């Protein structure tokens, strides 16, 4: 997780193509294989990560603590999304 504080301003005269220095706030080892997708819940309290290790992990957005692991895919998970109206997560993987 990176902090964007003091790096993106509407009044900033630096061109968009200029690199920005970002500060790392939090980092965790999330999965054993590549992460294919991240999704943030509508209330901004959870982050879901989908991985080639066939799992989806749910993280607290405040401190990146692991709150749950979803298993059941037979192949790597390519996509994950939170519902905007219900408390559910949808995911997709290869067949």
PDB file of N, CA and C in Angstrom:
ATOM      1  N   UNK A   1       0.856  -1.146   0.000  1.00  0.00           N
ATOM      2  CA  UNK A   1       0.000   0.000   0.000  1.00  0.00           C
ATOM      3  C   UNK A   1       0.916   1.227   0.000  1.00  0.00           C
ATOM      4  N   UNK A   2       0.586   2.177  -0.855  1.00  0.00           N
ATOM      5  CA  UNK A   2       1.394   3.382  -0.980  1.00  0.00           C
ATOM      6  C   UNK A   2       0.594   4.607  -0.576  1.00  0.00           C
ATOM      7  N   UNK A   3       1.271   5.583  -0.057  1.00  0.00           N
ATOM      8  CA  UNK A   3       0.648   6.850   0.295  1.00  0.00           C
ATOM      9  C   UNK A   3       0.687   7.790  -0.905  1.00  0.00           C
ATOM     10  N   UNK A   4      -0.460   8.369  -1.235  1.00  0.00           N
ATOM     11  CA  UNK A   4      -0.530   9.355  -2.309  1.00  0.00           C
ATOM     12  C   UNK A   4      -0.594  10.776  -1.751  1.00  0.00           C
ATOM     13  N   UNK A   5      -0.541  10.890  -0.444  1.00  0.00           N
ATOM     14  CA  UNK A   5      -0.605  12.194   0.198  1.00  0.00           C
ATOM     15  C   UNK A   5       0.561  13.064  -0.272  1.00  0.00           C
ATOM     16  N   UNK A   6       0.263  14.281  -0.595  1.00  0.00           N
ATOM     17  CA  UNK A   6       1.264  15.260  -1.033  1.00  0.00           C
ATOM     18  C   UNK A   6       1.940  14.908  -2.353  1.00  0.00           C
ATOM     19  N   UNK A   7       1.380  13.974  -3.130  1.00  0.00           N
ATOM     20  CA  UNK A   7       1.993  13.649  -4.427  1.00  0.00           C
ATOM     21  C   UNK A   7       1.098  14.011  -5.598  1.00  0.00           C
ATOM     22  N   UNK A   8      -0.207  14.067  -5.385  1.00  0.00           N
ATOM     23  CA  UNK A   8      -1.134  14.381  -6.458  1.00  0.00           C
ATOM     24  C   UNK A   8      -1.961  15.609  -6.087  1.00  0.00           C
ATOM     25  N   UNK A   9      -1.707  16.689  -6.766  1.00  0.00           N
ATOM     26  CA  UNK A   9      -2.424  17.928  -6.502  1.00  0.00           C
ATOM     27  C   UNK A   9      -2.969  18.483  -7.804  1.00  0.00           C
ATOM     28  N   UNK A  10      -4.147  19.061  -7.746  1.00  0.00           N
ATOM     29  CA  UNK A  10      -4.730  19.675  -8.939  1.00  0.00           C
ATOM     30  C   UNK A  10      -3.899  20.869  -9.392  1.00  0.00           C
ATOM     31  N   UNK A  11      -3.275  21.573  -8.467  1.00  0.00           N
ATOM     32  CA  UNK A  11      -2.503  22.758  -8.800  1.00  0.00           C
ATOM     33  C   UNK A  11      -1.062  22.417  -9.214  1.00  0.00           C
ATOM     34  N   UNK A  12      -0.719  21.147  -9.183  1.00  0.00           N
ATOM     35  CA  UNK A  12       0.638  20.714  -9.501  1.00  0.00           C
ATOM     36  C   UNK A  12       0.962  21.033 -10.954  1.00  0.00           C
ATOM     37  N   UNK A  13       2.085  21.696 -11.181  1.00  0.00           N
ATOM     38  CA  UNK A  13       2.492  22.089 -12.528  1.00  0.00           C
ATOM     39  C   UNK A  13       3.391  21.059 -13.202  1.00  0.00           C
ATOM     40  N   UNK A  14       3.739  19.997 -12.502  1.00  0.00           N
ATOM     41  CA  UNK A  14       4.603  18.968 -13.074  1.00  0.00           C
ATOM     42  C   UNK A  14       3.795  18.152 -14.077  1.00  0.00           C
ATOM     43  N   UNK A  15       4.394  17.889 -15.220  1.00  0.00           N
ATOM     44  CA  UNK A  15       3.696  17.115 -16.247  1.00  0.00           C
ATOM     45  C   UNK A  15       3.403  15.711 -15.745  1.00  0.00           C
ATOM     46  N   UNK A  16       2.349  15.116 -16.267  1.00  0.00           N
ATOM     47  CA  UNK A  16       1.932  13.768 -15.861  1.00  0.00           C
ATOM     48  C   UNK A  16       3.017  12.746 -16.171  1.00  0.00           C
ATOM     49  N   UNK A  17       3.816  12.992 -17.194  1.00  0.00           N
ATOM     50  CA  UNK A  17       4.840  12.031 -17.591  1.00  0.00           C
ATOM     51  C   UNK A  17       6.027  12.001 -16.630  1.00  0.00           C
ATOM     52  N   UNK A  18       6.087  12.946 -15.699  1.00  0.00           N
ATOM     53  CA  UNK A  18       7.184  12.980 -14.736  1.00  0.00           C
ATOM     54  C   UNK A  18       6.969  11.919 -13.657  1.00  0.00           C
ATOM     55  N   UNK A  19       8.027  11.168 -13.292  1.00  0.00           N
ATOM     56  CA  UNK A  19       7.869  10.162 -12.237  1.00  0.00           C
ATOM     57  C   UNK A  19       7.608  10.823 -10.884  1.00  0.00           C
ATOM     58  N   UNK A  20       6.826  10.145 -10.068  1.00  0.00           N
ATOM     59  CA  UNK A  20       6.506  10.627  -8.729  1.00  0.00           C
ATOM     60  C   UNK A  20       7.136   9.701  -7.692  1.00  0.00           C
ATOM     61  N   UNK A  21       7.608  10.266  -6.619  1.00  0.00           N
ATOM     62  CA  UNK A  21       8.147   9.473  -5.517  1.00  0.00           C
ATOM     63  C   UNK A  21       6.992   9.119  -4.585  1.00  0.00           C
ATOM     64  N   UNK A  22       6.754   7.832  -4.398  1.00  0.00           N
ATOM     65  CA  UNK A  22       5.689   7.364  -3.511  1.00  0.00           C
ATOM     66  C   UNK A  22       6.306   6.695  -2.292  1.00  0.00           C
ATOM     67  N   UNK A  23       5.661   6.844  -1.152  1.00  0.00           N
ATOM     68  CA  UNK A  23       6.129   6.225   0.078  1.00  0.00           C
ATOM     69  C   UNK A  23       5.311   4.973   0.363  1.00  0.00           C
ATOM     70  N   UNK A  24       5.998   3.884   0.661  1.00  0.00           N
ATOM     71  CA  UNK A  24       5.324   2.643   1.030  1.00  0.00           C
ATOM     72  C   UNK A  24       4.795   2.763   2.455  1.00  0.00           C
ATOM     73  N   UNK A  25       3.505   2.471   2.620  1.00  0.00           N
ATOM     74  CA  UNK A  25       2.901   2.502   3.951  1.00  0.00           C
ATOM     75  C   UNK A  25       2.910   1.115   4.589  1.00  0.00           C
ATOM     76  N   UNK A  26       2.471   0.106   3.808  1.00  0.00           N
ATOM     77  CA  UNK A  26       2.366  -1.265   4.307  1.00  0.00           C
ATOM     78  C   UNK A  26       2.718  -2.237   3.193  1.00  0.00           C
ATOM     79  N   UNK A  27       3.286  -3.378   3.553  1.00  0.00           N
ATOM     80  CA  UNK A  27       3.556  -4.432   2.583  1.00  0.00           C
ATOM     81  C   UNK A  27       3.411  -5.792   3.276  1.00  0.00           C
ATOM     82  N   UNK A  28       2.848  -6.756   2.556  1.00  0.00           N
ATOM     83  CA  UNK A  28       2.705  -8.115   3.075  1.00  0.00           C
ATOM     84  C   UNK A  28       2.980  -9.105   1.957  1.00  0.00           C
ATOM     85  N   UNK A  29       3.427 -10.309   2.331  1.00  0.00           N
ATOM     86  CA  UNK A  29       3.514 -11.398   1.361  1.00  0.00           C
ATOM     87  C   UNK A  29       2.117 -11.997   1.299  1.00  0.00           C
ATOM     88  N   UNK A  30       1.474 -11.818   0.157  1.00  0.00           N
ATOM     89  CA  UNK A  30       0.061 -12.153   0.072  1.00  0.00           C
ATOM     90  C   UNK A  30      -0.199 -13.571  -0.419  1.00  0.00           C
ATOM     91  N   UNK A  31       0.523 -14.022  -1.425  1.00  0.00           N
ATOM     92  CA  UNK A  31       0.256 -15.307  -2.071  1.00  0.00           C
ATOM     93  C   UNK A  31       1.559 -16.015  -2.414  1.00  0.00           C
ATOM     94  N   UNK A  32       1.449 -17.311  -2.754  1.00  0.00           N
ATOM     95  CA  UNK A  32       2.614 -18.090  -3.149  1.00  0.00           C
ATOM     96  C   UNK A  32       2.932 -17.945  -4.635  1.00  0.00           C
ATOM     97  N   UNK A  33       1.975 -17.455  -5.420  1.00  0.00           N
ATOM     98  CA  UNK A  33       2.167 -17.252  -6.858  1.00  0.00           C
ATOM     99  C   UNK A  33       1.710 -15.846  -7.232  1.00  0.00           C
ATOM    100  N   UNK A  34       1.726 -15.539  -8.528  1.00  0.00           N
ATOM    101  CA  UNK A  34       1.383 -14.209  -9.010  1.00  0.00           C
ATOM    102  C   UNK A  34      -0.019 -13.783  -8.595  1.00  0.00           C
ATOM    103  N   UNK A  35      -0.170 -12.484  -8.330  1.00  0.00           N
ATOM    104  CA  UNK A  35      -1.482 -11.893  -8.073  1.00  0.00           C
ATOM    105  C   UNK A  35      -1.999 -11.353  -9.391  1.00  0.00           C
ATOM    106  N   UNK A  36      -3.213 -11.758  -9.774  1.00  0.00           N
ATOM    107  CA  UNK A  36      -3.801 -11.364 -11.052  1.00  0.00           C
ATOM    108  C   UNK A  36      -4.747 -10.175 -10.946  1.00  0.00           C
ATOM    109  N   UNK A  37      -5.326  -9.957  -9.768  1.00  0.00           N
ATOM    110  CA  UNK A  37      -6.342  -8.912  -9.649  1.00  0.00           C
ATOM    111  C   UNK A  37      -6.475  -8.477  -8.194  1.00  0.00           C
ATOM    112  N   UNK A  38      -6.788  -7.185  -8.013  1.00  0.00           N
ATOM    113  CA  UNK A  38      -7.145  -6.642  -6.706  1.00  0.00           C
ATOM    114  C   UNK A  38      -8.487  -5.939  -6.832  1.00  0.00           C
ATOM    115  N   UNK A  39      -9.275  -5.987  -5.780  1.00  0.00           N
ATOM    116  CA  UNK A  39     -10.563  -5.276  -5.757  1.00  0.00           C
ATOM    117  C   UNK A  39     -10.749  -4.673  -4.369  1.00  0.00           C
ATOM    118  N   UNK A  40     -11.362  -3.503  -4.331  1.00  0.00           N
ATOM    119  CA  UNK A  40     -11.645  -2.818  -3.067  1.00  0.00           C
ATOM    120  C   UNK A  40     -13.156  -2.834  -2.857  1.00  0.00           C
ATOM    121  N   UNK A  41     -13.571  -3.172  -1.649  1.00  0.00           N
ATOM    122  CA  UNK A  41     -15.003  -3.236  -1.335  1.00  0.00           C
ATOM    123  C   UNK A  41     -15.641  -1.851  -1.436  1.00  0.00           C
ATOM    124  N   UNK A  42     -16.958  -1.797  -1.686  1.00  0.00           N
ATOM    125  CA  UNK A  42     -17.642  -0.512  -1.813  1.00  0.00           C
ATOM    126  C   UNK A  42     -17.499   0.401  -0.588  1.00  0.00           C
ATOM    127  N   UNK A  43     -17.355  -0.168   0.598  1.00  0.00           N
ATOM    128  CA  UNK A  43     -17.185   0.651   1.807  1.00  0.00           C
ATOM    129  C   UNK A  43     -15.711   0.905   2.138  1.00  0.00           C
ATOM    130  N   UNK A  44     -14.811   0.465   1.261  1.00  0.00           N
ATOM    131  CA  UNK A  44     -13.359   0.672   1.407  1.00  0.00           C
ATOM    132  C   UNK A  44     -12.744  -0.033   2.613  1.00  0.00           C
ATOM    133  N   UNK A  45     -13.434  -1.000   3.205  1.00  0.00           N
ATOM    134  CA  UNK A  45     -12.909  -1.670   4.390  1.00  0.00           C
ATOM    135  C   UNK A  45     -12.109  -2.926   4.055  1.00  0.00           C
ATOM    136  N   UNK A  46     -12.368  -3.534   2.883  1.00  0.00           N
ATOM    137  CA  UNK A  46     -11.688  -4.774   2.508  1.00  0.00           C
ATOM    138  C   UNK A  46     -11.024  -4.644   1.150  1.00  0.00           C
ATOM    139  N   UNK A  47      -9.937  -5.404   0.988  1.00  0.00           N
ATOM    140  CA  UNK A  47      -9.271  -5.558  -0.295  1.00  0.00           C
ATOM    141  C   UNK A  47      -9.230  -7.048  -0.584  1.00  0.00           C
ATOM    142  N   UNK A  48      -9.610  -7.442  -1.788  1.00  0.00           N
ATOM    143  CA  UNK A  48      -9.545  -8.847  -2.196  1.00  0.00           C
ATOM    144  C   UNK A  48      -8.410  -8.992  -3.205  1.00  0.00           C
ATOM    145  N   UNK A  49      -7.605 -10.031  -3.037  1.00  0.00           N
ATOM    146  CA  UNK A  49      -6.536 -10.329  -3.992  1.00  0.00           C
ATOM    147  C   UNK A  49      -6.780 -11.712  -4.592  1.00  0.00           C
ATOM    148  N   UNK A  50      -6.715 -11.788  -5.930  1.00  0.00           N
ATOM    149  CA  UNK A  50      -6.925 -13.052  -6.649  1.00  0.00           C
ATOM    150  C   UNK A  50      -5.585 -13.499  -7.211  1.00  0.00           C
ATOM    151  N   UNK A  51      -5.273 -14.788  -7.081  1.00  0.00           N
ATOM    152  CA  UNK A  51      -3.936 -15.265  -7.413  1.00  0.00           C
ATOM    153  C   UNK A  51      -3.914 -16.531  -8.257  1.00  0.00           C
ATOM    154  N   UNK A  52      -2.768 -16.752  -8.882  1.00  0.00           N
ATOM    155  CA  UNK A  52      -2.506 -17.996  -9.604  1.00  0.00           C
ATOM    156  C   UNK A  52      -2.422 -19.186  -8.651  1.00  0.00           C
ATOM    157  N   UNK A  53      -2.306 -18.940  -7.348  1.00  0.00           N
ATOM    158  CA  UNK A  53      -2.246 -20.051  -6.383  1.00  0.00           C
ATOM    159  C   UNK A  53      -3.627 -20.619  -6.070  1.00  0.00           C
ATOM    160  N   UNK A  54      -4.647 -20.237  -6.880  1.00  0.00           N
ATOM    161  CA  UNK A  54      -6.017 -20.760  -6.803  1.00  0.00           C
ATOM    162  C   UNK A  54      -6.812 -20.232  -5.615  1.00  0.00           C
ATOM    163  N   UNK A  55      -6.360 -19.142  -5.017  1.00  0.00           N
ATOM    164  CA  UNK A  55      -7.064 -18.615  -3.848  1.00  0.00           C
ATOM    165  C   UNK A  55      -7.364 -17.133  -4.002  1.00  0.00           C
ATOM    166  N   UNK A  56      -8.316 -16.682  -3.187  1.00  0.00           N
ATOM    167  CA  UNK A  56      -8.640 -15.266  -3.038  1.00  0.00           C
ATOM    168  C   UNK A  56      -8.449 -14.968  -1.562  1.00  0.00           C
ATOM    169  N   UNK A  57      -7.747 -13.892  -1.269  1.00  0.00           N
ATOM    170  CA  UNK A  57      -7.562 -13.509   0.126  1.00  0.00           C
ATOM    171  C   UNK A  57      -8.220 -12.164   0.362  1.00  0.00           C
ATOM    172  N   UNK A  58      -8.826 -12.040   1.538  1.00  0.00           N
ATOM    173  CA  UNK A  58      -9.478 -10.803   1.951  1.00  0.00           C
ATOM    174  C   UNK A  58      -8.629 -10.140   3.022  1.00  0.00           C
ATOM    175  N   UNK A  59      -8.357  -8.846   2.827  1.00  0.00           N
ATOM    176  CA  UNK A  59      -7.460  -8.086   3.688  1.00  0.00           C
ATOM    177  C   UNK A  59      -8.177  -6.879   4.258  1.00  0.00           C
ATOM    178  N   UNK A  60      -7.851  -6.511   5.482  1.00  0.00           N
ATOM    179  CA  UNK A  60      -8.334  -5.254   6.050  1.00  0.00           C
ATOM    180  C   UNK A  60      -7.580  -4.122   5.368  1.00  0.00           C
ATOM    181  N   UNK A  61      -8.293  -3.108   4.899  1.00  0.00           N
ATOM    182  CA  UNK A  61      -7.621  -2.015   4.207  1.00  0.00           C
ATOM    183  C   UNK A  61      -6.884  -1.078   5.166  1.00  0.00           C
ATOM    184  N   UNK A  62      -7.158  -1.163   6.452  1.00  0.00           N
ATOM    185  CA  UNK A  62      -6.492  -0.269   7.399  1.00  0.00           C
ATOM    186  C   UNK A  62      -5.075  -0.717   7.741  1.00  0.00           C
ATOM    187  N   UNK A  63      -4.868  -2.044   7.892  1.00  0.00           N
ATOM    188  CA  UNK A  63      -3.540  -2.523   8.286  1.00  0.00           C
ATOM    189  C   UNK A  63      -3.054  -3.723   7.479  1.00  0.00           C
ATOM    190  N   UNK A  64      -3.776  -4.083   6.422  1.00  0.00           N
ATOM    191  CA  UNK A  64      -3.466  -5.234   5.560  1.00  0.00           C
ATOM    192  C   UNK A  64      -3.386  -6.546   6.326  1.00  0.00           C
ATOM    193  N   UNK A  65      -4.150  -6.665   7.408  1.00  0.00           N
ATOM    194  CA  UNK A  65      -4.215  -7.945   8.111  1.00  0.00           C
ATOM    195  C   UNK A  65      -5.155  -8.870   7.333  1.00  0.00           C
ATOM    196  N   UNK A  66      -4.814 -10.148   7.297  1.00  0.00           N
ATOM    197  CA  UNK A  66      -5.611 -11.148   6.588  1.00  0.00           C
ATOM    198  C   UNK A  66      -6.889 -11.421   7.365  1.00  0.00           C
ATOM    199  N   UNK A  67      -8.039 -11.269   6.705  1.00  0.00           N
ATOM    200  CA  UNK A  67      -9.319 -11.513   7.371  1.00  0.00           C
ATOM    201  C   UNK A  67      -9.982 -12.795   6.890  1.00  0.00           C
ATOM    202  N   UNK A  68      -9.517 -13.356   5.769  1.00  0.00           N
ATOM    203  CA  UNK A  68     -10.099 -14.604   5.287  1.00  0.00           C
ATOM    204  C   UNK A  68      -9.456 -15.061   3.996  1.00  0.00           C
ATOM    205  N   UNK A  69      -9.567 -16.359   3.721  1.00  0.00           N
ATOM    206  CA  UNK A  69      -9.064 -16.954   2.485  1.00  0.00           C
ATOM    207  C   UNK A  69     -10.186 -17.749   1.839  1.00  0.00           C
ATOM    208  N   UNK A  70     -10.432 -17.497   0.562  1.00  0.00           N
ATOM    209  CA  UNK A  70     -11.462 -18.205  -0.198  1.00  0.00           C
ATOM    210  C   UNK A  70     -10.783 -19.197  -1.126  1.00  0.00           C
ATOM    211  N   UNK A  71     -11.176 -20.478  -1.007  1.00  0.00           N
ATOM    212  CA  UNK A  71     -10.584 -21.532  -1.834  1.00  0.00           C
ATOM    213  C   UNK A  71     -11.697 -22.267  -2.569  1.00  0.00           C
ATOM    214  N   UNK A  72     -11.345 -22.958  -3.641  1.00  0.00           N
ATOM    215  CA  UNK A  72     -12.322 -23.746  -4.373  1.00  0.00           C
ATOM    216  C   UNK A  72     -12.067 -23.758  -5.867  1.00  0.00           C
ATOM    217  N   UNK A  73     -11.302 -22.802  -6.367  1.00  0.00           N
ATOM    218  CA  UNK A  73     -10.970 -22.801  -7.790  1.00  0.00           C
ATOM    219  C   UNK A  73      -9.972 -23.917  -8.094  1.00  0.00           C
ATOM    220  N   UNK A  74     -10.098 -24.505  -9.259  1.00  0.00           N
ATOM    221  CA  UNK A  74      -9.181 -25.568  -9.682  1.00  0.00           C
ATOM    222  C   UNK A  74      -7.975 -25.024 -10.440  1.00  0.00           C
ATOM    223  N   UNK A  75      -8.068 -23.787 -10.875  1.00  0.00           N
ATOM    224  CA  UNK A  75      -6.965 -23.117 -11.578  1.00  0.00           C
ATOM    225  C   UNK A  75      -6.777 -21.737 -10.960  1.00  0.00           C
ATOM    226  N   UNK A  76      -5.770 -21.030 -11.460  1.00  0.00           N
ATOM    227  CA  UNK A  76      -5.513 -19.689 -10.955  1.00  0.00           C
ATOM    228  C   UNK A  76      -6.720 -18.783 -11.105  1.00  0.00           C
ATOM    229  N   UNK A  77      -6.908 -17.888 -10.154  1.00  0.00           N
ATOM    230  CA  UNK A  77      -8.037 -16.961 -10.175  1.00  0.00           C
ATOM    231  C   UNK A  77      -7.604 -15.707 -10.936  1.00  0.00           C
ATOM    232  N   UNK A  78      -8.380 -15.349 -11.968  1.00  0.00           N
ATOM    233  CA  UNK A  78      -8.034 -14.229 -12.836  1.00  0.00           C
ATOM    234  C   UNK A  78      -8.735 -12.938 -12.468  1.00  0.00           C
ATOM    235  N   UNK A  79      -9.895 -13.025 -11.832  1.00  0.00           N
ATOM    236  CA  UNK A  79     -10.642 -11.812 -11.543  1.00  0.00           C
ATOM    237  C   UNK A  79     -11.433 -11.975 -10.250  1.00  0.00           C
ATOM    238  N   UNK A  80     -11.609 -10.872  -9.544  1.00  0.00           N
ATOM    239  CA  UNK A  80     -12.432 -10.840  -8.339  1.00  0.00           C
ATOM    240  C   UNK A  80     -13.071  -9.459  -8.275  1.00  0.00           C
ATOM    241  N   UNK A  81     -14.342  -9.426  -7.841  1.00  0.00           N
ATOM    242  CA  UNK A  81     -15.061  -8.156  -7.755  1.00  0.00           C
ATOM    243  C   UNK A  81     -16.072  -8.233  -6.613  1.00  0.00           C
ATOM    244  N   UNK A  82     -16.234  -7.111  -5.915  1.00  0.00           N
ATOM    245  CA  UNK A  82     -17.247  -6.997  -4.866  1.00  0.00           C
ATOM    246  C   UNK A  82     -18.546  -6.519  -5.498  1.00  0.00           C
ATOM    247  N   UNK A  83     -19.666  -7.028  -4.995  1.00  0.00           N
ATOM    248  CA  UNK A  83     -20.972  -6.538  -5.416  1.00  0.00           C
ATOM    249  C   UNK A  83     -21.178  -5.135  -4.849  1.00  0.00           C
ATOM    250  N   UNK A  84     -21.827  -4.280  -5.614  1.00  0.00           N
ATOM    251  CA  UNK A  84     -22.137  -2.932  -5.147  1.00  0.00           C
ATOM    252  C   UNK A  84     -23.367  -2.904  -4.240  1.00  0.00           C
ATOM    253  N   UNK A  85     -24.194  -3.959  -4.287  1.00  0.00           N
ATOM    254  CA  UNK A  85     -25.445  -3.952  -3.528  1.00  0.00           C
ATOM    255  C   UNK A  85     -25.540  -5.035  -2.462  1.00  0.00           C
ATOM    256  N   UNK A  86     -24.863  -6.151  -2.653  1.00  0.00           N
ATOM    257  CA  UNK A  86     -24.922  -7.248  -1.690  1.00  0.00           C
ATOM    258  C   UNK A  86     -23.541  -7.489  -1.097  1.00  0.00           C
ATOM    259  N   UNK A  87     -23.501  -8.192   0.014  1.00  0.00           N
ATOM    260  CA  UNK A  87     -22.232  -8.524   0.658  1.00  0.00           C
ATOM    261  C   UNK A  87     -21.705  -9.829   0.073  1.00  0.00           C
ATOM    262  N   UNK A  88     -21.351  -9.811  -1.219  1.00  0.00           N
ATOM    263  CA  UNK A  88     -20.813 -10.994  -1.889  1.00  0.00           C
ATOM    264  C   UNK A  88     -19.614 -10.586  -2.753  1.00  0.00           C
ATOM    265  N   UNK A  89     -18.813 -11.597  -3.079  1.00  0.00           N
ATOM    266  CA  UNK A  89     -17.668 -11.454  -3.951  1.00  0.00           C
ATOM    267  C   UNK A  89     -17.852 -12.434  -5.095  1.00  0.00           C
ATOM    268  N   UNK A  90     -17.592 -11.986  -6.320  1.00  0.00           N
ATOM    269  CA  UNK A  90     -17.623 -12.880  -7.477  1.00  0.00           C
ATOM    270  C   UNK A  90     -16.197 -13.048  -7.983  1.00  0.00           C
ATOM    271  N   UNK A  91     -15.889 -14.261  -8.469  1.00  0.00           N
ATOM    272  CA  UNK A  91     -14.534 -14.521  -8.960  1.00  0.00           C
ATOM    273  C   UNK A  91     -14.592 -15.357 -10.225  1.00  0.00           C
ATOM    274  N   UNK A  92     -13.493 -15.345 -10.978  1.00  0.00           N
ATOM    275  CA  UNK A  92     -13.422 -16.105 -12.223  1.00  0.00           C
ATOM    276  C   UNK A  92     -12.040 -16.711 -12.376  1.00  0.00           C
ATOM    277  N   UNK A  93     -12.002 -17.919 -12.974  1.00  0.00           N
ATOM    278  CA  UNK A  93     -10.732 -18.569 -13.248  1.00  0.00           C
ATOM    279  C   UNK A  93     -10.857 -19.385 -14.537  1.00  0.00           C
ATOM    280  N   UNK A  94      -9.736 -19.947 -14.969  1.00  0.00           N
ATOM    281  CA  UNK A  94      -9.750 -20.806 -16.160  1.00  0.00           C
ATOM    282  C   UNK A  94     -10.443 -22.122 -15.864  1.00  0.00           C
ATOM    283  N   UNK A  95     -10.918 -22.779 -16.896  1.00  0.00           N
ATOM    284  CA  UNK A  95     -11.606 -24.056 -16.708  1.00  0.00           C
ATOM    285  C   UNK A  95     -10.673 -25.226 -16.792  1.00  0.00           C
TER     286      UNK A  95
END
